[in-house]
Protein backbone atom coordinates (compact mmCIF):
# COMPACT_ATOMS: atom_id res chain seq x y z
CA MET A 1 0.12 -0.17 0.03
CA ALA A 2 1.42 3.45 -1.05
CA ASP A 3 -0.05 5.35 1.66
CA PHE A 4 -2.81 5.45 4.46
CA LEU A 5 -6.20 5.02 2.78
CA PRO A 6 -9.42 6.79 3.94
CA GLY A 7 -11.17 5.28 6.99
CA GLU A 8 -9.94 2.07 8.45
CA ASN A 9 -8.05 -0.46 6.55
CA ARG A 10 -6.97 -4.01 7.64
CA PHE A 11 -4.03 -5.84 5.62
CA CYS A 12 -0.88 -7.90 6.23
CA ILE A 13 2.86 -6.58 5.88
CA GLU A 14 6.09 -8.79 6.05
CA GLY A 15 7.27 -9.21 9.73
CA PRO A 16 10.34 -11.06 11.15
CA SER A 17 8.22 -14.22 11.92
CA GLY A 18 6.06 -14.04 8.77
CA GLN A 19 3.10 -11.67 8.00
CA LEU A 20 1.78 -9.15 10.48
CA ASP A 21 -1.78 -8.36 10.76
CA VAL A 22 -2.14 -4.53 10.64
CA MET A 23 -4.89 -1.81 10.82
CA THR A 24 -4.57 1.90 9.75
CA THR A 25 -6.72 4.67 10.41
CA LEU A 26 -6.79 7.98 8.70
CA PRO A 27 -8.48 11.02 10.48
CA ARG A 28 -11.90 12.03 8.99
CA ASN A 29 -10.54 15.32 7.75
CA GLN A 30 -8.42 14.49 4.76
CA LEU A 31 -4.90 15.05 5.28
CA ASP A 32 -2.55 16.33 2.62
CA GLU A 33 -0.38 13.40 1.79
CA ALA A 34 2.76 15.65 0.80
CA ASP A 35 2.96 17.30 4.37
CA PRO A 36 5.03 15.84 7.01
CA GLY A 37 2.64 14.55 9.88
CA LEU A 38 2.16 12.26 12.88
CA VAL A 39 1.74 8.63 12.85
CA THR A 40 0.72 6.97 16.29
CA ILE A 41 1.60 3.15 16.48
CA VAL A 42 -0.45 1.57 19.53
CA CYS A 43 0.60 -1.78 20.98
CA HIS A 44 -1.91 -4.28 22.78
CA PRO A 45 -1.65 -6.06 25.82
CA HIS A 46 -0.46 -9.62 26.48
CA SER A 47 -0.80 -12.00 23.67
CA LEU A 48 -1.50 -15.13 25.70
CA MET A 49 -4.15 -13.51 27.86
CA GLY A 50 -6.38 -12.42 25.04
CA GLY A 51 -4.67 -9.17 23.94
CA THR A 52 -5.43 -8.07 20.33
CA MET A 53 -5.22 -4.83 18.39
CA ASN A 54 -9.06 -4.66 18.91
CA ASN A 55 -8.75 -4.35 22.80
CA LYS A 56 -10.91 -1.54 24.02
CA VAL A 57 -7.99 0.49 25.52
CA VAL A 58 -5.99 0.13 22.44
CA HIS A 59 -8.90 1.22 20.41
CA THR A 60 -9.65 4.16 22.63
CA ILE A 61 -6.02 5.39 22.41
CA ALA A 62 -6.24 4.99 18.65
CA ARG A 63 -9.51 7.03 18.31
CA CYS A 64 -8.01 9.86 20.51
CA ARG A 65 -5.01 10.13 18.38
CA ARG A 66 -7.10 9.89 15.23
CA ASP A 67 -9.35 12.63 16.39
CA MET A 68 -6.27 14.79 16.97
CA GLY A 69 -5.31 14.40 13.31
CA HIS A 70 -2.79 11.64 13.59
CA ARG A 71 -2.55 8.52 11.16
CA VAL A 72 -2.77 5.57 13.36
CA VAL A 73 -1.39 2.04 13.27
CA ARG A 74 -2.49 -0.84 15.37
CA PHE A 75 -1.31 -4.33 14.70
CA ASN A 76 -1.33 -7.86 16.10
CA PHE A 77 2.01 -9.37 17.70
CA ARG A 78 3.10 -12.43 16.35
CA GLY A 79 0.79 -15.42 17.10
CA VAL A 80 -2.48 -13.29 17.31
CA GLY A 81 -5.10 -12.99 14.62
CA LYS A 82 -3.63 -13.18 11.24
CA SER A 83 -0.14 -12.46 12.59
CA GLU A 84 2.38 -15.51 12.05
CA GLY A 85 4.77 -16.75 14.63
CA GLU A 86 4.58 -17.46 18.38
CA TYR A 87 4.68 -15.42 21.53
CA ALA A 88 8.47 -14.29 22.30
CA ASP A 89 8.22 -12.70 25.79
CA GLY A 90 8.27 -9.17 24.45
CA VAL A 91 11.79 -9.55 22.54
CA GLY A 92 10.05 -10.85 19.31
CA GLU A 93 7.25 -8.44 19.85
CA SER A 94 9.82 -5.57 19.71
CA ASP A 95 11.05 -6.82 16.50
CA ASP A 96 7.36 -6.80 15.31
CA LEU A 97 7.18 -3.33 16.36
CA LEU A 98 10.35 -2.35 14.40
CA ALA A 99 8.92 -3.99 11.30
CA VAL A 100 5.74 -1.83 11.43
CA MET A 101 7.87 1.19 12.18
CA ALA A 102 9.89 0.50 9.02
CA TRP A 103 6.63 -0.01 7.01
CA VAL A 104 5.58 3.40 8.27
CA LYS A 105 8.83 4.94 7.40
CA SER A 106 8.77 3.41 3.84
CA ILE A 107 5.57 5.21 2.95
CA ARG A 108 5.73 8.29 5.19
CA PRO A 109 9.29 9.20 5.46
CA LYS A 110 9.06 12.55 6.62
CA ASP A 111 6.40 11.74 9.28
CA GLU A 112 7.13 11.71 13.13
CA ILE A 113 6.18 8.43 15.00
CA ARG A 114 4.55 8.43 18.24
CA LEU A 115 4.50 5.32 20.27
CA ALA A 116 1.89 4.13 22.58
CA GLY A 117 1.15 0.69 24.54
CA PHE A 118 -1.18 -0.66 27.10
CA SER A 119 0.01 -3.00 29.75
CA PHE A 120 2.28 -5.53 28.02
CA GLY A 121 2.32 -3.44 25.09
CA ALA A 122 3.59 -0.44 27.17
CA TYR A 123 6.58 -2.73 27.99
CA VAL A 124 7.16 -3.57 24.34
CA VAL A 125 7.16 0.23 23.22
CA ALA A 126 9.43 1.20 26.33
CA ARG A 127 11.99 -1.53 25.53
CA THR A 128 12.10 -0.74 21.82
CA LEU A 129 12.15 3.07 21.83
CA GLU A 130 15.83 3.63 22.18
CA HIS A 131 16.96 1.14 19.65
CA ALA A 132 14.38 2.53 17.26
CA ILE A 133 16.07 6.05 17.65
CA ALA A 134 19.51 4.78 17.23
CA ILE A 135 18.82 2.99 14.07
CA GLY A 136 17.23 6.22 12.53
CA PHE A 137 13.56 6.23 13.39
CA LYS A 138 12.10 9.65 14.21
CA VAL A 139 10.24 9.12 17.42
CA GLY A 140 8.61 12.20 19.06
CA SER A 141 6.93 10.90 22.30
CA LEU A 142 6.21 7.74 24.50
CA LEU A 143 2.81 7.09 25.90
CA LEU A 144 2.32 4.10 28.47
CA VAL A 145 -0.94 3.17 29.63
CA ALA A 146 -1.03 0.95 32.83
CA PRO A 147 2.45 -0.30 32.25
CA ALA A 148 2.99 -3.73 33.57
CA VAL A 149 5.96 -2.78 35.64
CA GLU A 150 5.67 -5.80 37.91
CA ASN A 151 5.60 -8.40 35.29
CA TYR A 152 8.50 -7.15 33.05
CA ASP A 153 11.87 -5.69 33.67
CA PHE A 154 11.10 -2.01 33.45
CA ASP A 155 14.10 -1.17 35.74
CA ASN A 156 16.32 -1.31 32.73
CA TYR A 157 14.10 1.42 31.06
CA ARG A 158 14.27 4.60 33.25
CA GLY A 159 15.52 7.10 30.68
CA PHE A 160 14.06 7.99 27.34
CA SER A 161 15.17 10.33 24.56
CA VAL A 162 11.64 11.71 24.29
CA PRO A 163 8.86 12.93 26.65
CA LEU A 164 7.22 10.34 28.58
CA SER A 165 3.59 10.22 29.51
CA VAL A 166 1.85 7.71 31.62
CA VAL A 167 -1.81 7.07 32.43
CA MET A 168 -2.48 4.90 35.65
CA GLY A 169 -5.75 3.75 37.17
CA GLN A 170 -5.63 4.43 41.01
CA GLU A 171 -7.63 1.10 41.40
CA ASP A 172 -5.61 -1.16 39.24
CA GLU A 173 -6.06 -4.64 40.17
CA VAL A 174 -3.37 -6.18 38.01
CA VAL A 175 -0.44 -3.78 38.36
CA ALA A 176 -0.08 -2.22 41.76
CA PRO A 177 -0.17 1.58 41.31
CA ALA A 178 2.45 1.87 44.02
CA ALA A 179 4.85 -0.25 41.92
CA VAL A 180 4.20 2.10 38.88
CA ASP A 181 4.63 5.15 41.22
CA GLN A 182 8.04 3.72 42.38
CA TRP A 183 9.39 3.07 38.89
CA PHE A 184 8.15 6.48 37.69
CA ASP A 185 9.82 8.09 40.36
CA CYS A 186 13.23 6.66 39.07
CA VAL A 187 12.66 7.92 35.40
CA VAL A 188 15.09 10.64 34.72
CA SER A 189 13.21 11.57 31.56
CA ASP A 190 10.85 14.53 30.79
CA LYS A 191 7.84 12.83 32.06
CA ILE A 192 4.32 13.24 33.38
CA MET A 193 1.77 10.85 34.94
CA LEU A 194 -1.98 11.43 35.18
CA ARG A 195 -3.79 9.19 37.66
CA MET A 196 -7.37 8.20 37.14
CA PRO A 197 -9.52 7.92 40.20
CA GLY A 198 -11.51 4.75 40.49
CA ALA A 199 -10.05 3.18 37.48
CA GLY A 200 -9.01 -0.33 37.17
CA HIS A 201 -6.52 -2.06 34.90
CA PHE A 202 -8.89 -2.15 31.86
CA PHE A 203 -10.77 1.19 32.60
CA HIS A 204 -14.12 -0.62 32.59
CA GLY A 205 -16.80 2.21 32.23
CA GLN A 206 -14.28 4.83 32.00
CA LEU A 207 -13.02 4.84 28.38
CA THR A 208 -14.45 8.09 27.67
CA ASP A 209 -12.54 9.38 30.32
CA LEU A 210 -9.51 7.70 29.52
CA LYS A 211 -9.67 9.34 25.98
CA GLN A 212 -9.82 12.69 27.58
CA TYR A 213 -6.82 12.01 29.74
CA VAL A 214 -4.86 10.82 26.61
CA GLU A 215 -5.92 13.92 24.84
CA ARG A 216 -4.56 15.91 27.73
CA LEU A 217 -1.12 14.04 27.46
CA SER A 218 -0.97 14.36 23.68
CA ALA A 219 -1.54 18.24 23.34
């Protein structure tokens, strides 16, 4: 595909373990294809626990960025949906993300990429960011929603070359908010965290509020 098509489009691109199942979204207001723009790539929660690119939190982040004028890419990690391969503990999933970033760069070389992830997806974007920048990707920001800091080695990721934003539910039943606070306090980057009162890990009944929080962090 030469560029993002109007509306939502689902197709496959080549990934490191076979095809990757991808969904693109173009804002309703038609963008000038020739002008540099913003592309948000959103990563989904744990592949072995039902996480897909259609997860409602992932979809909410995507809708927010779409409404802000970004081109948006969601995709299924290896072994999910039509994506080939098997779960690889975040390491292979980072390679999947890099393949998606390379595809974006091939068709939108002047655009800036914004990375976002929910839960396990937050770990994948956090662990991938600095390597992506080092090999030449233009990344402007990092958004982590309910990052799974207790399940993955976030201690190795405490400094980022771009601004970091975090959204955390104060009643998260999967990841202890105190553990996220402890990790966040150690991050030395430009950073901001918004805490949503009453919100659990999956933001049940609060997706509209989540969209507003993401919008505040994306301004």
